[in-house]
All heavy atoms as atom14 arrays in JSON, in Angstrom:
{
  "sequence": "ERLSMKILDQGKTGKGEEKKGLDFTEPKQNFIVSSITDVISQSERET",
  "atom14_mask": [
    [1, 1, 1, 1, 1, 1, 1, 1, 1, 0, 0, 0, 0, 0],
    [1, 1, 1, 1, 1, 1, 1, 1, 1, 1, 1, 0, 0, 0],
    [1, 1, 1, 1, 1, 1, 1, 1, 0, 0, 0, 0, 0, 0],
    [1, 1, 1, 1, 1, 1, 0, 0, 0, 0, 0, 0, 0, 0],
    [1, 1, 1, 1, 1, 1, 1, 1, 0, 0, 0, 0, 0, 0],
    [1, 1, 1, 1, 1, 1, 1, 1, 1, 0, 0, 0, 0, 0],
    [1, 1, 1, 1, 1, 1, 1, 1, 0, 0, 0, 0, 0, 0],
    [1, 1, 1, 1, 1, 1, 1, 1, 0, 0, 0, 0, 0, 0],
    [1, 1, 1, 1, 1, 1, 1, 1, 0, 0, 0, 0, 0, 0],
    [1, 1, 1, 1, 1, 1, 1, 1, 1, 0, 0, 0, 0, 0],
    [1, 1, 1, 1, 0, 0, 0, 0, 0, 0, 0, 0, 0, 0],
    [1, 1, 1, 1, 1, 1, 1, 1, 1, 0, 0, 0, 0, 0],
    [1, 1, 1, 1, 1, 1, 1, 0, 0, 0, 0, 0, 0, 0],
    [1, 1, 1, 1, 0, 0, 0, 0, 0, 0, 0, 0, 0, 0],
    [1, 1, 1, 1, 1, 1, 1, 1, 1, 0, 0, 0, 0, 0],
    [1, 1, 1, 1, 0, 0, 0, 0, 0, 0, 0, 0, 0, 0],
    [1, 1, 1, 1, 1, 1, 1, 1, 1, 0, 0, 0, 0, 0],
    [1, 1, 1, 1, 1, 1, 1, 1, 1, 0, 0, 0, 0, 0],
    [1, 1, 1, 1, 1, 1, 1, 1, 1, 0, 0, 0, 0, 0],
    [1, 1, 1, 1, 1, 1, 1, 1, 1, 0, 0, 0, 0, 0],
    [1, 1, 1, 1, 0, 0, 0, 0, 0, 0, 0, 0, 0, 0],
    [1, 1, 1, 1, 1, 1, 1, 1, 0, 0, 0, 0, 0, 0],
    [1, 1, 1, 1, 1, 1, 1, 1, 0, 0, 0, 0, 0, 0],
    [1, 1, 1, 1, 1, 1, 1, 1, 1, 1, 1, 0, 0, 0],
    [1, 1, 1, 1, 1, 1, 1, 0, 0, 0, 0, 0, 0, 0],
    [1, 1, 1, 1, 1, 1, 1, 1, 1, 0, 0, 0, 0, 0],
    [1, 1, 1, 1, 1, 1, 1, 0, 0, 0, 0, 0, 0, 0],
    [1, 1, 1, 1, 1, 1, 1, 1, 1, 0, 0, 0, 0, 0],
    [1, 1, 1, 1, 1, 1, 1, 1, 1, 0, 0, 0, 0, 0],
    [1, 1, 1, 1, 1, 1, 1, 1, 0, 0, 0, 0, 0, 0],
    [1, 1, 1, 1, 1, 1, 1, 1, 1, 1, 1, 0, 0, 0],
    [1, 1, 1, 1, 1, 1, 1, 1, 0, 0, 0, 0, 0, 0],
    [1, 1, 1, 1, 1, 1, 1, 0, 0, 0, 0, 0, 0, 0],
    [1, 1, 1, 1, 1, 1, 0, 0, 0, 0, 0, 0, 0, 0],
    [1, 1, 1, 1, 1, 1, 0, 0, 0, 0, 0, 0, 0, 0],
    [1, 1, 1, 1, 1, 1, 1, 1, 0, 0, 0, 0, 0, 0],
    [1, 1, 1, 1, 1, 1, 1, 0, 0, 0, 0, 0, 0, 0],
    [1, 1, 1, 1, 1, 1, 1, 1, 0, 0, 0, 0, 0, 0],
    [1, 1, 1, 1, 1, 1, 1, 0, 0, 0, 0, 0, 0, 0],
    [1, 1, 1, 1, 1, 1, 1, 1, 0, 0, 0, 0, 0, 0],
    [1, 1, 1, 1, 1, 1, 0, 0, 0, 0, 0, 0, 0, 0],
    [1, 1, 1, 1, 1, 1, 1, 1, 1, 0, 0, 0, 0, 0],
    [1, 1, 1, 1, 1, 1, 0, 0, 0, 0, 0, 0, 0, 0],
    [1, 1, 1, 1, 1, 1, 1, 1, 1, 0, 0, 0, 0, 0],
    [1, 1, 1, 1, 1, 1, 1, 1, 1, 1, 1, 0, 0, 0],
    [1, 1, 1, 1, 1, 1, 1, 1, 1, 0, 0, 0, 0, 0],
    [1, 1, 1, 1, 1, 1, 1, 0, 0, 0, 0, 0, 0, 0]
  ],
  "atom14_positions": [
    [[85.97, -14.62, 18.76], [86.17, -14.88, 17.34], [87.52, -14.32, 16.88], [88.04, -13.38, 17.47], [85.03, -14.26, 16.51], [83.67, -14.86, 16.73], [83.01, -14.41, 18.01], [83.45, -13.37, 18.57], [82.08, -15.09, 18.48], [0.0, 0.0, 0.0], [0.0, 0.0, 0.0], [0.0, 0.0, 0.0], [0.0, 0.0, 0.0], [0.0, 0.0, 0.0]],
    [[88.05, -14.88, 15.81], [89.32, -14.41, 15.23], [89.05, -13.53, 14.02], [88.14, -13.8, 13.24], [90.19, -15.58, 14.79], [90.77, -16.41, 15.93], [91.51, -17.6, 15.35], [92.06, -18.45, 16.39], [93.32, -18.41, 16.81], [94.16, -17.55, 16.27], [93.75, -19.21, 17.76], [0.0, 0.0, 0.0], [0.0, 0.0, 0.0], [0.0, 0.0, 0.0]],
    [[89.87, -12.49, 13.87], [89.79, -11.64, 12.68], [91.16, -11.61, 12.01], [92.15, -11.18, 12.61], [89.36, -10.22, 13.04], [89.28, -9.26, 11.85], [88.13, -9.65, 10.93], [89.13, -7.82, 12.31], [0.0, 0.0, 0.0], [0.0, 0.0, 0.0], [0.0, 0.0, 0.0], [0.0, 0.0, 0.0], [0.0, 0.0, 0.0], [0.0, 0.0, 0.0]],
    [[91.19, -12.07, 10.77], [92.4, -11.97, 9.96], [92.31, -10.68, 9.14], [91.34, -10.49, 8.39], [92.52, -13.19, 9.04], [93.65, -13.06, 8.19], [0.0, 0.0, 0.0], [0.0, 0.0, 0.0], [0.0, 0.0, 0.0], [0.0, 0.0, 0.0], [0.0, 0.0, 0.0], [0.0, 0.0, 0.0], [0.0, 0.0, 0.0], [0.0, 0.0, 0.0]],
    [[93.28, -9.79, 9.29], [93.19, -8.45, 8.71], [94.45, -8.08, 7.96], [95.57, -8.28, 8.44], [92.92, -7.41, 9.81], [92.79, -5.99, 9.32], [92.23, -4.84, 10.62], [93.68, -4.79, 11.68], [0.0, 0.0, 0.0], [0.0, 0.0, 0.0], [0.0, 0.0, 0.0], [0.0, 0.0, 0.0], [0.0, 0.0, 0.0], [0.0, 0.0, 0.0]],
    [[94.26, -7.54, 6.76], [95.38, -6.99, 5.99], [94.89, -5.75, 5.25], [93.92, -5.8, 4.49], [95.93, -8.01, 4.99], [97.19, -7.53, 4.29], [97.79, -8.62, 3.4], [99.09, -8.13, 2.76], [99.7, -9.17, 1.89], [0.0, 0.0, 0.0], [0.0, 0.0, 0.0], [0.0, 0.0, 0.0], [0.0, 0.0, 0.0], [0.0, 0.0, 0.0]],
    [[95.56, -4.61, 5.5], [95.17, -3.33, 4.92], [96.41, -2.69, 4.31], [97.47, -2.64, 4.93], [94.57, -2.4, 5.98], [93.38, -3.06, 6.67], [94.16, -1.07, 5.35], [92.84, -2.26, 7.84], [0.0, 0.0, 0.0], [0.0, 0.0, 0.0], [0.0, 0.0, 0.0], [0.0, 0.0, 0.0], [0.0, 0.0, 0.0], [0.0, 0.0, 0.0]],
    [[96.27, -2.18, 3.08], [97.36, -1.49, 2.42], [96.97, -0.04, 2.2], [96.01, 0.26, 1.49], [97.67, -2.16, 1.07], [98.83, -1.54, 0.28], [100.14, -1.65, 1.06], [98.97, -2.19, -1.09], [0.0, 0.0, 0.0], [0.0, 0.0, 0.0], [0.0, 0.0, 0.0], [0.0, 0.0, 0.0], [0.0, 0.0, 0.0], [0.0, 0.0, 0.0]],
    [[97.72, 0.87, 2.85], [97.44, 2.3, 2.67], [98.18, 2.81, 1.44], [99.14, 2.21, 0.95], [97.81, 3.09, 3.92], [99.24, 2.83, 4.38], [99.67, 1.68, 4.28], [99.9, 3.77, 4.86], [0.0, 0.0, 0.0], [0.0, 0.0, 0.0], [0.0, 0.0, 0.0], [0.0, 0.0, 0.0], [0.0, 0.0, 0.0], [0.0, 0.0, 0.0]],
    [[97.73, 3.95, 0.93], [98.28, 4.51, -0.3], [99.53, 5.33, -0.02], [99.92, 5.56, 1.12], [97.22, 5.38, -0.98], [95.9, 4.67, -1.23], [96.02, 3.51, -2.19], [96.94, 3.46, -3.01], [95.09, 2.56, -2.11], [0.0, 0.0, 0.0], [0.0, 0.0, 0.0], [0.0, 0.0, 0.0], [0.0, 0.0, 0.0], [0.0, 0.0, 0.0]],
    [[100.15, 5.82, -1.1], [101.35, 6.63, -0.96], [102.59, 5.79, -0.75], [102.55, 4.54, -0.78], [0.0, 0.0, 0.0], [0.0, 0.0, 0.0], [0.0, 0.0, 0.0], [0.0, 0.0, 0.0], [0.0, 0.0, 0.0], [0.0, 0.0, 0.0], [0.0, 0.0, 0.0], [0.0, 0.0, 0.0], [0.0, 0.0, 0.0], [0.0, 0.0, 0.0]],
    [[103.71, 6.44, -0.52], [104.98, 5.76, -0.32], [105.61, 6.18, 1.01], [105.17, 7.12, 1.65], [105.94, 6.08, -1.48], [105.47, 5.56, -2.83], [106.49, 5.82, -3.91], [106.02, 5.32, -5.26], [105.89, 3.85, -5.28], [0.0, 0.0, 0.0], [0.0, 0.0, 0.0], [0.0, 0.0, 0.0], [0.0, 0.0, 0.0], [0.0, 0.0, 0.0]],
    [[106.64, 5.45, 1.41], [107.35, 5.77, 2.64], [108.19, 7.03, 2.44], [108.3, 7.55, 1.33], [108.27, 4.61, 3.06], [109.34, 4.48, 2.1], [107.5, 3.3, 3.1], [0.0, 0.0, 0.0], [0.0, 0.0, 0.0], [0.0, 0.0, 0.0], [0.0, 0.0, 0.0], [0.0, 0.0, 0.0], [0.0, 0.0, 0.0], [0.0, 0.0, 0.0]],
    [[108.8, 7.5, 3.53], [109.66, 8.67, 3.44], [110.87, 8.45, 2.54], [111.45, 9.4, 2.03], [0.0, 0.0, 0.0], [0.0, 0.0, 0.0], [0.0, 0.0, 0.0], [0.0, 0.0, 0.0], [0.0, 0.0, 0.0], [0.0, 0.0, 0.0], [0.0, 0.0, 0.0], [0.0, 0.0, 0.0], [0.0, 0.0, 0.0], [0.0, 0.0, 0.0]],
    [[111.24, 7.19, 2.31], [112.37, 6.86, 1.44], [111.93, 6.55, 0.01], [112.71, 6.1, -0.81], [113.13, 5.67, 2.02], [113.76, 5.94, 3.37], [114.52, 4.71, 3.88], [115.15, 5.0, 5.24], [115.89, 3.82, 5.75], [0.0, 0.0, 0.0], [0.0, 0.0, 0.0], [0.0, 0.0, 0.0], [0.0, 0.0, 0.0], [0.0, 0.0, 0.0]],
    [[110.63, 6.77, -0.27], [110.12, 6.52, -1.61], [109.8, 5.07, -1.9], [109.54, 4.71, -3.05], [0.0, 0.0, 0.0], [0.0, 0.0, 0.0], [0.0, 0.0, 0.0], [0.0, 0.0, 0.0], [0.0, 0.0, 0.0], [0.0, 0.0, 0.0], [0.0, 0.0, 0.0], [0.0, 0.0, 0.0], [0.0, 0.0, 0.0], [0.0, 0.0, 0.0]],
    [[109.79, 4.22, -0.87], [109.51, 2.81, -1.06], [108.02, 2.52, -0.88], [107.27, 3.31, -0.32], [110.33, 1.98, -0.06], [111.83, 2.2, -0.18], [112.6, 1.57, 0.98], [111.93, 1.13, 1.95], [113.84, 1.53, 0.91], [0.0, 0.0, 0.0], [0.0, 0.0, 0.0], [0.0, 0.0, 0.0], [0.0, 0.0, 0.0], [0.0, 0.0, 0.0]],
    [[107.59, 1.34, -1.35], [106.2, 0.94, -1.17], [105.95, 0.59, 0.29], [106.8, 0.0, 0.96], [105.89, -0.27, -2.06], [105.96, 0.0, -3.55], [104.88, 0.96, -4.01], [103.82, 1.0, -3.36], [105.12, 1.67, -5.01], [0.0, 0.0, 0.0], [0.0, 0.0, 0.0], [0.0, 0.0, 0.0], [0.0, 0.0, 0.0], [0.0, 0.0, 0.0]],
    [[104.77, 0.94, 0.78], [104.42, 0.61, 2.16], [104.01, -0.86, 2.29], [103.52, -1.46, 1.33], [103.27, 1.5, 2.64], [103.63, 2.98, 2.73], [102.43, 3.79, 3.17], [102.74, 5.27, 3.21], [101.54, 6.07, 3.55], [0.0, 0.0, 0.0], [0.0, 0.0, 0.0], [0.0, 0.0, 0.0], [0.0, 0.0, 0.0], [0.0, 0.0, 0.0]],
    [[104.21, -1.4, 3.48], [103.82, -2.79, 3.74], [102.42, -2.89, 4.32], [101.81, -3.96, 4.3], [104.83, -3.43, 4.69], [106.24, -3.52, 4.12], [107.2, -4.16, 5.11], [108.62, -4.23, 4.54], [109.58, -4.81, 5.5], [0.0, 0.0, 0.0], [0.0, 0.0, 0.0], [0.0, 0.0, 0.0], [0.0, 0.0, 0.0], [0.0, 0.0, 0.0]],
    [[101.9, -1.79, 4.86], [100.56, -1.79, 5.42], [100.47, -2.57, 6.72], [101.47, -2.96, 7.32], [0.0, 0.0, 0.0], [0.0, 0.0, 0.0], [0.0, 0.0, 0.0], [0.0, 0.0, 0.0], [0.0, 0.0, 0.0], [0.0, 0.0, 0.0], [0.0, 0.0, 0.0], [0.0, 0.0, 0.0], [0.0, 0.0, 0.0], [0.0, 0.0, 0.0]],
    [[99.25, -2.79, 7.16], [98.99, -3.61, 8.36], [98.71, -5.03, 7.92], [97.83, -5.27, 7.09], [97.79, -3.06, 9.14], [97.89, -1.65, 9.7], [96.58, -1.29, 10.42], [99.06, -1.53, 10.67], [0.0, 0.0, 0.0], [0.0, 0.0, 0.0], [0.0, 0.0, 0.0], [0.0, 0.0, 0.0], [0.0, 0.0, 0.0], [0.0, 0.0, 0.0]],
    [[99.43, -5.97, 8.49], [99.26, -7.37, 8.1], [99.15, -8.24, 9.34], [100.13, -8.47, 10.05], [100.45, -7.83, 7.24], [100.23, -9.2, 6.63], [99.24, -9.87, 6.99], [101.04, -9.61, 5.77], [0.0, 0.0, 0.0], [0.0, 0.0, 0.0], [0.0, 0.0, 0.0], [0.0, 0.0, 0.0], [0.0, 0.0, 0.0], [0.0, 0.0, 0.0]],
    [[97.94, -8.71, 9.62], [97.69, -9.61, 10.74], [97.0, -10.88, 10.23], [96.01, -11.35, 10.78], [96.82, -8.92, 11.79], [97.47, -7.73, 12.43], [97.21, -6.45, 11.95], [98.36, -7.88, 13.48], [97.82, -5.34, 12.53], [98.98, -6.78, 14.06], [98.71, -5.5, 13.58], [0.0, 0.0, 0.0], [0.0, 0.0, 0.0], [0.0, 0.0, 0.0]],
    [[97.55, -11.42, 9.12], [96.95, -12.6, 8.51], [97.54, -13.9, 9.03], [96.94, -14.96, 8.85], [97.13, -12.55, 6.97], [98.52, -12.36, 6.66], [96.33, -11.39, 6.39], [0.0, 0.0, 0.0], [0.0, 0.0, 0.0], [0.0, 0.0, 0.0], [0.0, 0.0, 0.0], [0.0, 0.0, 0.0], [0.0, 0.0, 0.0], [0.0, 0.0, 0.0]],
    [[98.73, -13.84, 9.64], [99.28, -15.06, 10.24], [98.39, -15.5, 11.39], [97.97, -14.66, 12.21], [100.7, -14.81, 10.76], [101.75, -14.66, 9.67], [101.98, -15.95, 8.92], [101.89, -17.03, 9.55], [102.24, -15.88, 7.7], [0.0, 0.0, 0.0], [0.0, 0.0, 0.0], [0.0, 0.0, 0.0], [0.0, 0.0, 0.0], [0.0, 0.0, 0.0]],
    [[98.07, -16.8, 11.49], [97.14, -17.27, 12.54], [97.52, -16.83, 13.95], [96.64, -16.47, 14.74], [97.2, -18.79, 12.39], [97.56, -19.02, 10.96], [98.49, -17.9, 10.6], [0.0, 0.0, 0.0], [0.0, 0.0, 0.0], [0.0, 0.0, 0.0], [0.0, 0.0, 0.0], [0.0, 0.0, 0.0], [0.0, 0.0, 0.0], [0.0, 0.0, 0.0]],
    [[98.82, -16.81, 14.27], [99.24, -16.42, 15.61], [99.13, -14.92, 15.85], [99.22, -14.47, 16.98], [100.68, -16.88, 15.86], [100.85, -18.39, 15.97], [102.27, -18.75, 16.31], [102.44, -20.27, 16.46], [103.83, -20.64, 16.8], [0.0, 0.0, 0.0], [0.0, 0.0, 0.0], [0.0, 0.0, 0.0], [0.0, 0.0, 0.0], [0.0, 0.0, 0.0]],
    [[98.94, -14.16, 14.76], [98.85, -12.71, 14.89], [97.43, -12.19, 14.66], [97.22, -10.97, 14.67], [99.81, -12.05, 13.89], [101.27, -12.41, 14.15], [102.2, -11.81, 13.11], [101.91, -10.79, 12.51], [103.33, -12.46, 12.87], [0.0, 0.0, 0.0], [0.0, 0.0, 0.0], [0.0, 0.0, 0.0], [0.0, 0.0, 0.0], [0.0, 0.0, 0.0]],
    [[96.47, -13.08, 14.44], [95.08, -12.65, 14.27], [94.57, -11.92, 15.51], [94.96, -12.24, 16.63], [94.18, -13.85, 14.01], [94.39, -14.48, 12.64], [93.91, -15.56, 12.38], [95.12, -13.82, 11.75], [0.0, 0.0, 0.0], [0.0, 0.0, 0.0], [0.0, 0.0, 0.0], [0.0, 0.0, 0.0], [0.0, 0.0, 0.0], [0.0, 0.0, 0.0]],
    [[93.68, -10.96, 15.28], [93.02, -10.3, 16.4], [91.94, -11.21, 16.98], [91.4, -12.07, 16.29], [92.38, -8.98, 15.94], [93.35, -7.84, 15.84], [93.81, -7.4, 14.6], [93.8, -7.19, 16.98], [94.69, -6.33, 14.5], [94.68, -6.13, 16.9], [95.13, -5.71, 15.66], [0.0, 0.0, 0.0], [0.0, 0.0, 0.0], [0.0, 0.0, 0.0]],
    [[91.62, -10.96, 18.27], [90.55, -11.68, 18.94], [89.45, -10.68, 19.31], [89.74, -9.58, 19.81], [91.06, -12.39, 20.22], [92.19, -13.37, 19.87], [89.92, -13.11, 20.92], [91.78, -14.52, 19.0], [0.0, 0.0, 0.0], [0.0, 0.0, 0.0], [0.0, 0.0, 0.0], [0.0, 0.0, 0.0], [0.0, 0.0, 0.0], [0.0, 0.0, 0.0]],
    [[88.19, -11.03, 19.07], [87.07, -10.18, 19.44], [86.87, -10.26, 20.95], [86.53, -11.32, 21.49], [85.78, -10.61, 18.71], [84.6, -9.74, 19.17], [85.96, -10.52, 17.2], [0.0, 0.0, 0.0], [0.0, 0.0, 0.0], [0.0, 0.0, 0.0], [0.0, 0.0, 0.0], [0.0, 0.0, 0.0], [0.0, 0.0, 0.0], [0.0, 0.0, 0.0]],
    [[87.11, -9.15, 21.64], [86.93, -9.13, 23.1], [85.5, -8.75, 23.5], [85.0, -9.18, 24.54], [87.92, -8.17, 23.75], [87.68, -6.84, 23.32], [0.0, 0.0, 0.0], [0.0, 0.0, 0.0], [0.0, 0.0, 0.0], [0.0, 0.0, 0.0], [0.0, 0.0, 0.0], [0.0, 0.0, 0.0], [0.0, 0.0, 0.0], [0.0, 0.0, 0.0]],
    [[84.85, -7.94, 22.66], [83.46, -7.58, 22.94], [82.81, -7.05, 21.67], [83.49, -6.64, 20.72], [83.38, -6.53, 24.05], [83.99, -5.32, 23.65], [0.0, 0.0, 0.0], [0.0, 0.0, 0.0], [0.0, 0.0, 0.0], [0.0, 0.0, 0.0], [0.0, 0.0, 0.0], [0.0, 0.0, 0.0], [0.0, 0.0, 0.0], [0.0, 0.0, 0.0]],
    [[81.49, -7.09, 21.65], [80.69, -6.55, 20.54], [79.77, -5.5, 21.12], [78.95, -5.8, 22.0], [79.88, -7.64, 19.82], [80.8, -8.79, 19.4], [79.16, -7.07, 18.62], [80.79, -9.96, 20.35], [0.0, 0.0, 0.0], [0.0, 0.0, 0.0], [0.0, 0.0, 0.0], [0.0, 0.0, 0.0], [0.0, 0.0, 0.0], [0.0, 0.0, 0.0]],
    [[79.89, -4.26, 20.68], [79.09, -3.16, 21.23], [78.38, -2.4, 20.11], [78.61, -2.66, 18.92], [79.97, -2.2, 22.04], [81.04, -1.71, 21.19], [80.59, -2.9, 23.24], [0.0, 0.0, 0.0], [0.0, 0.0, 0.0], [0.0, 0.0, 0.0], [0.0, 0.0, 0.0], [0.0, 0.0, 0.0], [0.0, 0.0, 0.0], [0.0, 0.0, 0.0]],
    [[77.57, -1.44, 20.51], [76.82, -0.58, 19.57], [76.03, -1.42, 18.56], [76.01, -1.11, 17.35], [77.77, 0.36, 18.82], [78.47, 1.33, 19.74], [78.09, 1.4, 20.92], [79.4, 2.02, 19.28], [0.0, 0.0, 0.0], [0.0, 0.0, 0.0], [0.0, 0.0, 0.0], [0.0, 0.0, 0.0], [0.0, 0.0, 0.0], [0.0, 0.0, 0.0]],
    [[75.39, -2.46, 19.02], [74.61, -3.33, 18.13], [73.26, -2.67, 17.86], [72.49, -2.39, 18.77], [74.41, -4.72, 18.76], [73.61, -5.61, 17.8], [75.75, -5.36, 19.08], [0.0, 0.0, 0.0], [0.0, 0.0, 0.0], [0.0, 0.0, 0.0], [0.0, 0.0, 0.0], [0.0, 0.0, 0.0], [0.0, 0.0, 0.0], [0.0, 0.0, 0.0]],
    [[72.98, -2.42, 16.57], [71.7, -1.84, 16.15], [71.09, -2.76, 15.1], [71.65, -2.92, 14.02], [71.87, -0.42, 15.59], [72.53, 0.5, 16.63], [70.53, 0.15, 15.14], [72.83, 1.89, 16.1], [0.0, 0.0, 0.0], [0.0, 0.0, 0.0], [0.0, 0.0, 0.0], [0.0, 0.0, 0.0], [0.0, 0.0, 0.0], [0.0, 0.0, 0.0]],
    [[69.97, -3.37, 15.41], [69.31, -4.29, 14.49], [68.05, -3.63, 13.93], [67.21, -3.12, 14.67], [68.93, -5.58, 15.21], [70.09, -6.24, 15.68], [0.0, 0.0, 0.0], [0.0, 0.0, 0.0], [0.0, 0.0, 0.0], [0.0, 0.0, 0.0], [0.0, 0.0, 0.0], [0.0, 0.0, 0.0], [0.0, 0.0, 0.0], [0.0, 0.0, 0.0]],
    [[67.93, -3.63, 12.6], [66.76, -3.12, 11.9], [66.21, -4.21, 11.01], [66.76, -5.3, 10.92], [67.14, -1.86, 11.1], [67.65, -0.72, 11.97], [68.15, 0.45, 11.16], [68.59, 0.28, 10.03], [68.1, 1.64, 11.75], [0.0, 0.0, 0.0], [0.0, 0.0, 0.0], [0.0, 0.0, 0.0], [0.0, 0.0, 0.0], [0.0, 0.0, 0.0]],
    [[65.11, -3.93, 10.32], [64.46, -4.97, 9.52], [65.31, -5.46, 8.37], [65.23, -6.63, 7.99], [63.12, -4.44, 9.0], [63.32, -3.27, 8.21], [0.0, 0.0, 0.0], [0.0, 0.0, 0.0], [0.0, 0.0, 0.0], [0.0, 0.0, 0.0], [0.0, 0.0, 0.0], [0.0, 0.0, 0.0], [0.0, 0.0, 0.0], [0.0, 0.0, 0.0]],
    [[66.15, -4.58, 7.8], [66.9, -4.97, 6.62], [68.41, -4.94, 6.81], [69.16, -5.36, 5.93], [66.54, -4.05, 5.45], [65.09, -4.18, 5.01], [64.78, -3.3, 3.83], [65.67, -2.5, 3.45], [63.66, -3.39, 3.29], [0.0, 0.0, 0.0], [0.0, 0.0, 0.0], [0.0, 0.0, 0.0], [0.0, 0.0, 0.0], [0.0, 0.0, 0.0]],
    [[68.87, -4.45, 7.95], [70.31, -4.43, 8.16], [70.62, -4.31, 9.65], [69.74, -4.01, 10.46], [70.96, -3.28, 7.4], [70.61, -1.9, 7.94], [71.44, -0.83, 7.27], [71.24, 0.47, 7.89], [71.96, 1.55, 7.6], [72.91, 1.48, 6.69], [71.73, 2.69, 8.22], [0.0, 0.0, 0.0], [0.0, 0.0, 0.0], [0.0, 0.0, 0.0]],
    [[71.89, -4.55, 9.98], [72.36, -4.4, 11.35], [73.74, -3.77, 11.34], [74.49, -3.88, 10.36], [72.42, -5.77, 12.04], [73.48, -6.7, 11.48], [73.53, -8.04, 12.17], [72.69, -8.3, 13.04], [74.43, -8.85, 11.82], [0.0, 0.0, 0.0], [0.0, 0.0, 0.0], [0.0, 0.0, 0.0], [0.0, 0.0, 0.0], [0.0, 0.0, 0.0]],
    [[74.08, -3.08, 12.4], [75.42, -2.52, 12.56], [75.94, -2.92, 13.93], [75.16, -3.06, 14.88], [75.42, -0.98, 12.45], [74.65, -0.43, 13.52], [74.84, -0.54, 11.12], [0.0, 0.0, 0.0], [0.0, 0.0, 0.0], [0.0, 0.0, 0.0], [0.0, 0.0, 0.0], [0.0, 0.0, 0.0], [0.0, 0.0, 0.0], [0.0, 0.0, 0.0]]
  ]
}
């Protein structure tokens, strides 16, 4: 599966500028799920 991810952290850079954060929203830069582990299924939720 593909995961499109964009995260913006708080604070500023060492030069006082705004941070760009992590941006993997471009289709060619999306992450790919290699495996799914630690699966816990309960009656009302799963992790």
